[in-house]
Amino acid sequence: MSDILIVDDERDIRELIGDILQDEGFETRLAANSDECLKEIDAGVPALMILDIWLKDSDMDGIDILKHVKREHPEVPIIIISGHGNIEIAVAAIKQGAYDFIEKPFNIDQLMVVITRAMETSRLRRENATLKRSGSGDLEMIGVSAAFKQLKSNLEKVTKSNGRVMLTGGAGVGKEVAARFIHAGSERREAPFVTVSSATIEPDRMEEVLFGRETPERGVEKGLLEEANGGVIYFDEVADMPLGTQSKILRVLVDQRFTRVGGNARVSVDLRVVSSTSRDLLAEIEAGRFREELYHRLNVVPIEVPALEKRREDIPELARYFIEKLNREQGLPLRDLSEDAAAMLQTMAWPGNVRQLKNVIERVLILGDSTGLIEADELPNEDGVREDDGRAMLSPAIATLPLREAREVFEREYLLTQINRFGGNISRTATFVGMERSALHRKLKSLGVVTGNKQGGRMAYVEETD
């Protein structure tokens, strides 16, 4: 729900606040005591609570209600108000998780500023909780290629277990998407999915972020491990985790318990761990930057997420997915790909993988025409042959060769590109390039192309299927 629950034993106060908020466009509910308050919460969790400390004719005072709500519904911001306010009450309320404290008689403008901020906090928390629990949002698990099908099959095999999974692959291949797919298909799908961005958290804050902290001023502040309790914790780019933190995470994996920074109590958690890395962790271990025992704890089930160049068949479908997504989320033009544009995308180099493809599509939609098909000449061209005002522009490497050698280089690269584009299917490649299948085999042999082996750092996966 998106309303505000006002709890105050003084009728004039709660109705005054309610009227003010309704005039500002908010929906409100009113409660005079703890029983009415709990009944309203049972009927529907509010987006925000305004709670008086002292409640006449109540079994619970404001602090008791605050503790109860924070235990059952920690995402709800609570603003404490009191006519008997002092610093001790304010500190006690903040310690128990109150969003803010306002003393009666309050200034209306001040109250509205605090409420507006608290409602924005509530909105962000709801959105974050939805993302953590959904795991099935924009998973982007899209594809028909053999490499994609193998990936999806491997992911489906691990969803029902609690085994720790290590996802490997280059930057932008979609490792977090794969992790969310595991979560969405698991028994923990209704529990949180929490991402630890190891590369973006400052090393000196890593332990507070993970384990939480306890201070006299703010009491208990939960870390990401507690937020993920019962669900999945995803360590993104785990190689970037500081060595000191690695040893503490190792202990958490062993006994599923830890201590908050500044605290003494042992906190128990039930977690499934999924990790990812774009680095060679064995090389990191050799260099002394990653703990070998942690590696073996995390790498129970290793799964490689393939690079985009290994799943070129999926590129047109992925591009169309991003077009629809960008139209829905950003209002960019809803355009389709021409056949030439789809073919061009499949032949381009993608060192940034799926993330780079998304960026290219976004750039084309922003800079291109708002209607019509996306044409090949709207795409960035990074191949050896370029077009400029209708004239072919050769790369220096090709331009300096004799005609016969240049033609062979071009034909070899062109045919390798098409074979990879069609996932190694010779029949489909032959149809596209306009050759008989037997003639294509002869041409490949004459060019020294050995199907299934590396050629110039690329693979031609040839599987003859009709």
Protein backbone atom coordinates (compact mmCIF):
# COMPACT_ATOMS: atom_id res chain seq x y z
CA MET A 1 0.00 0.00 0.00
CA SER A 2 1.09 3.63 -0.34
CA ASP A 3 -0.81 5.35 2.50
CA ILE A 4 0.31 6.90 5.80
CA LEU A 5 -0.79 5.54 9.19
CA ILE A 6 -1.07 8.23 11.90
CA VAL A 7 -1.06 6.94 15.49
CA ASP A 8 -1.76 9.48 18.26
CA ASP A 9 -3.99 9.36 21.33
CA GLU A 10 -4.96 13.03 20.87
CA ARG A 11 -7.83 13.16 18.38
CA ASP A 12 -7.19 16.76 17.39
CA ILE A 13 -3.54 16.04 16.58
CA ARG A 14 -4.10 12.93 14.48
CA GLU A 15 -7.00 14.50 12.57
CA LEU A 16 -5.03 17.71 12.00
CA ILE A 17 -2.08 15.76 10.56
CA GLY A 18 -4.47 13.62 8.52
CA ASP A 19 -6.23 16.67 7.04
CA ILE A 20 -2.92 18.33 6.16
CA LEU A 21 -1.62 15.21 4.44
CA GLN A 22 -4.85 14.67 2.53
CA ASP A 23 -4.67 18.26 1.29
CA GLU A 24 -1.17 17.39 0.01
CA GLY A 25 -2.55 14.40 -1.89
CA PHE A 26 -1.66 11.59 0.52
CA GLU A 27 -3.99 8.79 1.63
CA THR A 28 -4.20 8.40 5.40
CA ARG A 29 -5.45 6.08 8.12
CA LEU A 30 -5.87 7.01 11.79
CA ALA A 31 -5.37 5.04 15.03
CA ALA A 32 -5.82 6.21 18.62
CA ASN A 33 -4.07 3.37 20.49
CA SER A 34 -1.86 0.32 20.05
CA ASP A 35 -4.75 -2.07 19.39
CA GLU A 36 -6.13 0.10 16.58
CA CYS A 37 -2.63 0.57 15.23
CA LEU A 38 -1.87 -3.18 15.01
CA LYS A 39 -5.30 -3.83 13.51
CA GLU A 40 -4.62 -1.28 10.76
CA ILE A 41 -1.21 -2.79 10.04
CA ASP A 42 -2.76 -6.27 9.79
CA ALA A 43 -5.25 -4.86 7.28
CA GLY A 44 -2.42 -3.52 5.12
CA VAL A 45 1.18 -2.46 5.72
CA PRO A 46 1.42 1.34 5.30
CA ALA A 47 4.11 3.12 3.32
CA LEU A 48 4.90 5.33 6.32
CA MET A 49 3.93 5.64 10.00
CA ILE A 50 3.68 8.78 12.14
CA LEU A 51 3.79 7.48 15.70
CA ASP A 52 3.32 9.21 19.06
CA ILE A 53 5.56 8.04 21.91
CA TRP A 54 2.92 8.25 24.67
CA LEU A 55 -0.39 6.49 23.99
CA LYS A 56 -3.17 6.51 26.62
CA ASP A 57 -5.31 3.40 27.08
CA SER A 58 -2.74 1.26 25.24
CA ASP A 59 -0.95 -1.96 26.08
CA MET A 60 2.09 -0.77 24.12
CA ASP A 61 3.77 2.63 23.97
CA GLY A 62 5.31 4.13 20.84
CA ILE A 63 8.73 2.50 21.38
CA ASP A 64 7.10 -0.92 21.79
CA ILE A 65 5.13 -0.44 18.57
CA LEU A 66 8.26 0.79 16.84
CA LYS A 67 10.14 -2.38 17.83
CA HIS A 68 7.26 -4.58 16.70
CA VAL A 69 6.89 -2.92 13.30
CA LYS A 70 10.64 -2.88 12.65
CA ARG A 71 10.79 -6.58 13.44
CA GLU A 72 7.85 -7.52 11.21
CA HIS A 73 8.08 -4.83 8.52
CA PRO A 74 11.61 -3.33 8.56
CA GLU A 75 11.06 -1.50 5.26
CA VAL A 76 8.41 0.88 6.75
CA PRO A 77 9.87 4.29 7.78
CA ILE A 78 8.52 5.53 11.13
CA ILE A 79 8.50 9.17 12.25
CA ILE A 80 8.27 9.53 16.04
CA ILE A 81 6.42 12.54 17.52
CA SER A 82 6.11 13.48 21.20
CA GLY A 83 5.12 16.39 23.37
CA HIS A 84 7.52 15.16 26.01
CA GLY A 85 10.48 14.96 23.73
CA ASN A 86 14.03 14.97 24.91
CA ILE A 87 17.35 13.77 23.60
CA GLU A 88 17.14 10.42 25.44
CA ILE A 89 13.82 9.55 23.78
CA ALA A 90 15.12 10.67 20.40
CA VAL A 91 18.24 8.50 20.73
CA ALA A 92 16.14 5.53 21.92
CA ALA A 93 13.80 5.89 18.93
CA ILE A 94 16.65 6.21 16.43
CA LYS A 95 18.38 3.18 17.97
CA GLN A 96 15.28 1.10 17.40
CA GLY A 97 15.11 2.15 13.76
CA ALA A 98 12.96 5.30 13.66
CA TYR A 99 13.41 7.38 10.52
CA ASP A 100 13.27 10.71 12.41
CA PHE A 101 12.02 12.38 15.60
CA ILE A 102 9.83 15.50 15.78
CA GLU A 103 8.86 17.27 18.97
CA LYS A 104 5.40 18.72 19.64
CA PRO A 105 4.31 21.37 18.96
CA PHE A 106 5.73 20.82 15.49
CA ASN A 107 6.12 23.19 12.59
CA ILE A 108 3.92 22.09 9.66
CA ASP A 109 6.57 22.91 7.06
CA GLN A 110 9.17 20.94 8.99
CA LEU A 111 6.79 18.00 9.31
CA MET A 112 6.06 18.02 5.56
CA VAL A 113 9.77 18.05 4.68
CA VAL A 114 10.39 15.01 6.88
CA ILE A 115 7.30 13.19 5.56
CA THR A 116 8.25 13.85 1.93
CA ARG A 117 11.74 12.49 2.49
CA ALA A 118 10.42 9.48 4.39
CA MET A 119 7.91 8.67 1.62
CA GLU A 120 10.72 8.74 -0.94
CA THR A 121 12.71 6.39 1.29
CA SER A 122 9.67 4.13 1.50
CA ARG A 123 9.28 4.09 -2.28
CA LEU A 124 12.94 3.19 -2.82
CA ARG A 125 12.79 0.45 -0.20
CA ARG A 126 9.68 -1.08 -1.79
CA GLU A 127 11.29 -1.01 -5.23
CA ASN A 128 14.50 -2.51 -3.85
CA ALA A 129 12.60 -5.24 -2.03
CA THR A 130 10.66 -6.05 -5.19
CA LEU A 131 13.86 -6.36 -7.19
CA LYS A 132 15.52 -8.50 -4.54
CA ARG A 133 12.59 -10.87 -4.31
CA SER A 134 11.53 -11.04 -7.92
CA GLY A 135 14.69 -12.42 -9.49
CA SER A 136 12.44 -12.86 -12.52
CA GLY A 137 12.28 -9.31 -13.78
CA ASP A 138 14.31 -8.46 -16.86
CA LEU A 139 16.40 -11.61 -16.71
CA GLU A 140 17.49 -11.20 -20.32
CA MET A 141 17.86 -14.99 -20.56
CA ILE A 142 17.29 -14.83 -24.28
CA GLY A 143 18.78 -17.00 -26.99
CA VAL A 144 18.61 -20.05 -29.25
CA SER A 145 22.31 -20.72 -29.83
CA ALA A 146 23.99 -23.93 -28.70
CA ALA A 147 26.18 -21.99 -26.25
CA PHE A 148 23.14 -20.30 -24.70
CA LYS A 149 21.19 -23.55 -24.43
CA GLN A 150 24.13 -25.18 -22.67
CA LEU A 151 24.35 -22.27 -20.23
CA LYS A 152 20.64 -22.39 -19.46
CA SER A 153 20.76 -26.14 -18.98
CA ASN A 154 23.63 -25.80 -16.50
CA LEU A 155 21.82 -23.06 -14.58
CA GLU A 156 18.61 -25.07 -14.37
CA LYS A 157 20.52 -28.01 -12.91
CA VAL A 158 21.76 -25.96 -9.95
CA THR A 159 18.59 -24.01 -9.13
CA LYS A 160 17.06 -26.63 -6.84
CA SER A 161 20.17 -27.21 -4.76
CA ASN A 162 21.90 -25.04 -2.19
CA GLY A 163 25.30 -25.61 -3.75
CA ARG A 164 27.62 -22.62 -4.11
CA VAL A 165 28.02 -21.52 -7.71
CA MET A 166 30.93 -19.65 -9.30
CA LEU A 167 30.00 -17.85 -12.53
CA THR A 168 32.92 -17.00 -14.82
CA GLY A 169 33.11 -14.93 -17.98
CA GLY A 170 34.24 -11.59 -19.35
CA ALA A 171 32.81 -8.21 -18.42
CA GLY A 172 29.29 -7.68 -19.73
CA VAL A 173 28.42 -11.31 -20.53
CA GLY A 174 25.49 -11.32 -18.08
CA LYS A 175 26.81 -13.04 -14.96
CA GLU A 176 24.37 -11.24 -12.64
CA VAL A 177 21.50 -12.14 -14.96
CA ALA A 178 22.57 -15.78 -14.63
CA ALA A 179 22.73 -15.44 -10.84
CA ARG A 180 19.23 -13.99 -10.73
CA PHE A 181 18.01 -16.83 -12.94
CA ILE A 182 19.32 -19.31 -10.36
CA HIS A 183 17.52 -17.41 -7.59
CA ALA A 184 14.25 -17.18 -9.54
CA GLY A 185 14.14 -20.94 -10.10
CA SER A 186 15.13 -21.91 -6.58
CA GLU A 187 13.17 -22.67 -3.42
CA ARG A 188 14.42 -19.28 -2.15
CA ARG A 189 12.70 -17.31 -4.92
CA GLU A 190 10.45 -15.46 -2.45
CA ALA A 191 13.42 -14.55 -0.23
CA PRO A 192 15.86 -11.69 -0.91
CA PHE A 193 18.48 -11.61 -3.64
CA VAL A 194 21.23 -9.25 -2.46
CA THR A 195 24.17 -8.15 -4.60
CA VAL A 196 27.58 -7.33 -3.13
CA SER A 197 29.42 -5.17 -5.68
CA SER A 198 32.93 -5.99 -4.56
CA ALA A 199 34.55 -3.63 -7.06
CA THR A 200 32.53 -0.55 -6.08
CA ILE A 201 32.56 -0.75 -2.26
CA GLU A 202 35.43 1.12 -0.63
CA PRO A 203 37.79 -1.41 0.99
CA ASP A 204 37.70 0.34 4.36
CA ARG A 205 33.86 0.14 4.36
CA MET A 206 33.54 -3.42 3.09
CA GLU A 207 33.12 -5.05 6.49
CA GLU A 208 30.52 -2.54 7.70
CA VAL A 209 28.58 -2.98 4.46
CA LEU A 210 28.66 -6.77 4.71
CA PHE A 211 28.34 -7.40 8.46
CA GLY A 212 26.54 -4.25 9.61
CA ARG A 213 27.51 -2.25 12.68
CA GLU A 214 26.42 -1.31 16.18
CA THR A 215 26.92 2.20 17.58
CA PRO A 216 25.58 3.99 20.68
CA GLU A 217 24.07 6.71 18.48
CA ARG A 218 22.17 4.59 15.94
CA GLY A 219 22.03 1.18 17.54
CA VAL A 220 21.96 -1.83 15.20
CA GLU A 221 22.40 -1.25 11.47
CA LYS A 222 22.09 -4.43 9.44
CA GLY A 223 24.59 -5.31 6.74
CA LEU A 224 24.02 -7.04 3.42
CA LEU A 225 24.49 -10.51 4.90
CA GLU A 226 21.58 -9.98 7.29
CA GLU A 227 19.46 -8.45 4.53
CA ALA A 228 20.01 -11.61 2.49
CA ASN A 229 19.10 -13.97 5.34
CA GLY A 230 17.02 -16.84 3.98
CA GLY A 231 17.85 -15.92 0.39
CA VAL A 232 20.80 -15.54 -1.94
CA ILE A 233 23.90 -13.39 -1.48
CA TYR A 234 25.64 -12.65 -4.78
CA PHE A 235 29.31 -11.64 -4.66
CA ASP A 236 29.86 -9.79 -7.93
CA GLU A 237 33.52 -9.72 -9.05
CA VAL A 238 34.63 -11.51 -5.91
CA ALA A 239 38.32 -11.12 -6.86
CA ASP A 240 38.05 -7.44 -5.87
CA MET A 241 37.22 -8.28 -2.26
CA PRO A 242 39.98 -7.18 0.19
CA LEU A 243 42.11 -10.02 1.60
CA GLY A 244 41.11 -9.24 5.18
CA THR A 245 37.43 -9.44 4.31
CA GLN A 246 38.01 -12.69 2.40
CA SER A 247 39.14 -14.44 5.59
CA LYS A 248 36.04 -13.24 7.46
CA ILE A 249 33.72 -14.31 4.64
CA LEU A 250 35.40 -17.70 4.76
CA ARG A 251 34.45 -18.03 8.42
CA VAL A 252 30.85 -17.05 7.60
CA LEU A 253 30.71 -19.78 4.96
CA VAL A 254 31.97 -22.33 7.46
CA ASP A 255 29.63 -21.63 10.39
CA GLN A 256 26.96 -19.25 8.93
CA ARG A 257 27.53 -16.79 11.78
CA PHE A 258 29.31 -13.47 12.21
CA THR A 259 29.62 -10.44 14.50
CA ARG A 260 28.63 -6.92 13.49
CA VAL A 261 31.33 -4.23 13.48
CA GLY A 262 31.36 -2.69 16.97
CA GLY A 263 29.13 -5.42 18.39
CA ASN A 264 29.57 -8.59 20.44
CA ALA A 265 26.48 -10.67 19.65
CA ARG A 266 26.83 -13.53 17.17
CA VAL A 267 24.37 -13.24 14.29
CA SER A 268 23.22 -16.43 12.55
CA VAL A 269 22.17 -16.41 8.89
CA ASP A 270 20.91 -18.93 6.34
CA LEU A 271 22.40 -18.03 2.97
CA ARG A 272 22.97 -19.47 -0.47
CA VAL A 273 26.12 -18.02 -2.03
CA VAL A 274 26.61 -17.30 -5.72
CA SER A 275 29.81 -15.60 -6.87
CA SER A 276 31.21 -14.28 -10.13
CA THR A 277 34.52 -13.19 -11.56
CA SER A 278 35.98 -12.05 -14.86
CA ARG A 279 39.51 -12.82 -13.65
CA ASP A 280 41.56 -16.02 -13.48
CA LEU A 281 41.24 -16.77 -9.77
CA LEU A 282 43.99 -19.39 -9.87
CA ALA A 283 46.36 -16.68 -11.13
CA GLU A 284 45.07 -14.37 -8.37
CA ILE A 285 45.83 -17.09 -5.81
CA GLU A 286 49.32 -17.52 -7.24
CA ALA A 287 49.87 -13.77 -6.94
CA GLY A 288 48.72 -13.80 -3.31
CA ARG A 289 45.63 -11.66 -3.97
CA PHE A 290 42.98 -14.32 -3.33
CA ARG A 291 42.70 -16.95 -0.63
CA GLU A 292 42.87 -20.48 -1.97
CA GLU A 293 40.58 -21.92 0.71
CA LEU A 294 37.90 -19.33 -0.09
CA TYR A 295 38.22 -20.20 -3.77
CA HIS A 296 37.52 -23.86 -3.07
CA ARG A 297 34.56 -22.93 -0.84
CA LEU A 298 33.00 -20.73 -3.52
CA ASN A 299 33.89 -22.79 -6.59
CA VAL A 300 31.74 -25.83 -5.77
CA VAL A 301 29.84 -25.64 -9.08
CA PRO A 302 31.71 -23.62 -11.74
CA ILE A 303 29.63 -22.37 -14.67
CA GLU A 304 31.01 -20.36 -17.57
CA VAL A 305 28.77 -17.65 -19.04
CA PRO A 306 29.73 -17.52 -22.73
CA ALA A 307 30.95 -14.42 -24.52
CA LEU A 308 28.61 -12.87 -27.07
CA GLU A 309 30.89 -13.89 -29.94
CA LYS A 310 30.17 -17.52 -29.02
CA ARG A 311 26.42 -16.95 -29.37
CA ARG A 312 26.11 -14.73 -32.44
CA GLU A 313 22.82 -16.37 -33.41
CA ASP A 314 21.26 -14.68 -30.36
CA ILE A 315 22.29 -11.14 -31.27
CA PRO A 316 19.21 -10.06 -33.34
CA GLU A 317 16.81 -11.33 -30.66
CA LEU A 318 18.82 -9.65 -27.91
CA ALA A 319 18.90 -6.40 -29.89
CA ARG A 320 15.11 -6.45 -30.33
CA TYR A 321 14.72 -7.15 -26.62
CA PHE A 322 16.80 -4.08 -25.78
CA ILE A 323 14.82 -1.95 -28.24
CA GLU A 324 11.58 -2.89 -26.48
CA LYS A 325 13.14 -2.43 -23.02
CA LEU A 326 14.51 1.04 -23.86
CA ASN A 327 11.17 2.05 -25.35
CA ARG A 328 9.35 0.90 -22.22
CA GLU A 329 11.75 2.41 -19.70
CA GLN A 330 13.07 5.51 -21.45
CA GLY A 331 10.51 6.23 -24.15
CA LEU A 332 13.05 5.75 -26.95
CA PRO A 333 11.66 4.97 -30.42
CA LEU A 334 10.23 1.49 -30.92
CA ARG A 335 11.97 0.42 -34.12
CA ASP A 336 12.79 -2.91 -35.68
CA LEU A 337 15.99 -4.13 -37.30
CA SER A 338 16.37 -4.45 -41.04
CA GLU A 339 17.81 -7.74 -42.30
CA ASP A 340 21.05 -5.98 -43.19
CA ALA A 341 21.32 -4.41 -39.73
CA ALA A 342 20.69 -7.76 -38.04
CA ALA A 343 23.39 -9.35 -40.22
CA MET A 344 25.81 -6.49 -39.48
CA LEU A 345 25.31 -6.85 -35.72
CA GLN A 346 26.14 -10.53 -35.99
CA THR A 347 29.44 -9.84 -37.75
CA MET A 348 30.70 -7.07 -35.43
CA ALA A 349 33.30 -7.53 -32.69
CA TRP A 350 31.80 -7.49 -29.19
CA PRO A 351 34.58 -7.24 -26.59
CA GLY A 352 32.05 -5.70 -24.17
CA ASN A 353 29.59 -8.52 -24.81
CA VAL A 354 25.86 -8.13 -24.07
CA ARG A 355 26.40 -4.86 -22.19
CA GLN A 356 28.13 -3.37 -25.24
CA LEU A 357 25.28 -4.52 -27.49
CA LYS A 358 22.77 -2.75 -25.25
CA ASN A 359 24.85 0.44 -25.36
CA VAL A 360 25.07 0.31 -29.18
CA ILE A 361 21.30 -0.12 -29.49
CA GLU A 362 20.68 2.75 -27.07
CA ARG A 363 23.02 5.02 -29.02
CA VAL A 364 21.33 4.17 -32.32
CA LEU A 365 17.86 4.87 -30.89
CA ILE A 366 18.97 8.21 -29.43
CA LEU A 367 20.87 9.49 -32.49
CA GLY A 368 18.93 7.85 -35.30
CA ASP A 369 15.60 8.53 -36.96
CA SER A 370 12.54 8.07 -34.77
CA THR A 371 10.70 5.92 -37.31
CA GLY A 372 11.41 3.15 -39.77
CA LEU A 373 13.73 0.20 -39.62
CA ILE A 374 17.21 0.46 -38.16
CA GLU A 375 19.51 0.17 -41.16
CA ALA A 376 23.05 -1.16 -41.30
CA ASP A 377 24.56 2.26 -42.04
CA GLU A 378 23.32 3.50 -38.62
CA LEU A 379 25.52 0.99 -36.80
CA PRO A 380 29.15 1.64 -35.82
CA ASN A 381 31.41 -0.18 -38.28
CA GLU A 382 34.60 -1.61 -36.82
CA ASP A 383 35.51 -4.15 -39.49
CA GLY A 384 38.39 -4.00 -41.95
CA VAL A 385 36.11 -2.76 -44.72
CA ARG A 386 34.26 0.52 -44.16
CA GLU A 387 31.89 2.57 -46.21
CA ASP A 388 32.27 6.30 -46.71
CA ASP A 389 29.90 8.11 -49.10
CA GLY A 390 29.18 4.81 -50.80
CA ARG A 391 32.88 4.03 -51.35
CA ALA A 392 34.58 1.02 -49.74
CA MET A 393 37.37 1.99 -47.32
CA LEU A 394 39.99 -0.74 -46.76
CA SER A 395 42.02 -1.25 -43.64
CA PRO A 396 45.78 -0.65 -44.08
CA ALA A 397 46.46 -4.36 -43.53
CA ILE A 398 44.35 -5.32 -46.56
CA ALA A 399 45.19 -2.31 -48.70
CA THR A 400 48.92 -3.16 -48.75
CA LEU A 401 48.42 -6.72 -50.04
CA PRO A 402 48.43 -7.85 -53.69
CA LEU A 403 44.92 -8.37 -55.07
CA ARG A 404 45.00 -12.18 -54.90
CA GLU A 405 46.18 -12.24 -51.28
CA ALA A 406 43.77 -9.47 -50.27
CA ARG A 407 40.89 -11.38 -51.83
CA GLU A 408 41.86 -14.54 -49.96
CA VAL A 409 42.12 -12.65 -46.65
CA PHE A 410 38.72 -11.07 -47.22
CA GLU A 411 37.05 -14.33 -48.28
CA ARG A 412 38.53 -16.24 -45.34
CA GLU A 413 37.43 -13.60 -42.81
CA TYR A 414 34.03 -13.18 -44.44
CA LEU A 415 33.26 -16.91 -44.48
CA LEU A 416 34.53 -17.43 -40.93
CA THR A 417 32.29 -14.58 -39.80
CA GLN A 418 29.25 -16.10 -41.49
CA ILE A 419 29.96 -19.60 -40.14
CA ASN A 420 30.21 -18.24 -36.61
CA ARG A 421 27.12 -16.11 -37.19
CA PHE A 422 25.06 -19.22 -37.99
CA GLY A 423 26.47 -21.23 -35.10
CA GLY A 424 28.59 -23.46 -37.33
CA ASN A 425 25.67 -24.61 -39.50
CA ILE A 426 27.15 -25.09 -43.00
CA SER A 427 23.78 -25.45 -44.71
CA ARG A 428 22.46 -22.12 -43.42
CA THR A 429 25.78 -20.42 -44.14
CA ALA A 430 25.80 -21.71 -47.73
CA THR A 431 22.24 -20.50 -48.29
CA PHE A 432 23.06 -17.02 -46.98
CA VAL A 433 26.26 -16.55 -49.00
CA GLY A 434 24.60 -17.95 -52.15
CA MET A 435 26.72 -21.09 -52.62
CA GLU A 436 26.04 -24.79 -52.86
CA ARG A 437 27.07 -26.57 -49.69
CA SER A 438 29.64 -28.70 -51.53
CA ALA A 439 31.05 -25.59 -53.20
CA LEU A 440 31.36 -23.89 -49.80
CA HIS A 441 33.24 -26.89 -48.44
CA ARG A 442 35.66 -26.71 -51.36
CA LYS A 443 36.10 -22.97 -50.91
CA LEU A 444 36.83 -23.36 -47.19
CA LYS A 445 39.37 -26.08 -47.94
CA SER A 446 41.08 -23.93 -50.56
CA LEU A 447 41.35 -21.06 -48.06
CA GLY A 448 42.86 -23.31 -45.42
CA VAL A 449 39.88 -23.04 -43.10
CA VAL A 450 39.72 -26.13 -40.88
CA THR A 451 36.27 -26.22 -39.34
CA GLY A 452 36.16 -26.69 -35.60
CA ASN A 453 39.69 -25.37 -35.05
CA LYS A 454 40.94 -21.92 -34.18
CA GLN A 455 41.56 -19.63 -37.12
CA GLY A 456 43.11 -16.28 -36.32
CA GLY A 457 41.92 -16.41 -32.73
CA ARG A 458 38.31 -17.25 -33.65
CA MET A 459 36.42 -20.50 -33.73
CA ALA A 460 34.31 -21.85 -36.56
CA TYR A 461 31.94 -24.30 -34.90
CA VAL A 462 30.73 -26.42 -37.81
CA GLU A 463 28.03 -28.96 -37.10
CA GLU A 464 26.29 -30.23 -40.23
CA THR A 465 22.62 -30.25 -39.37
CA ASP A 466 19.77 -29.87 -41.80
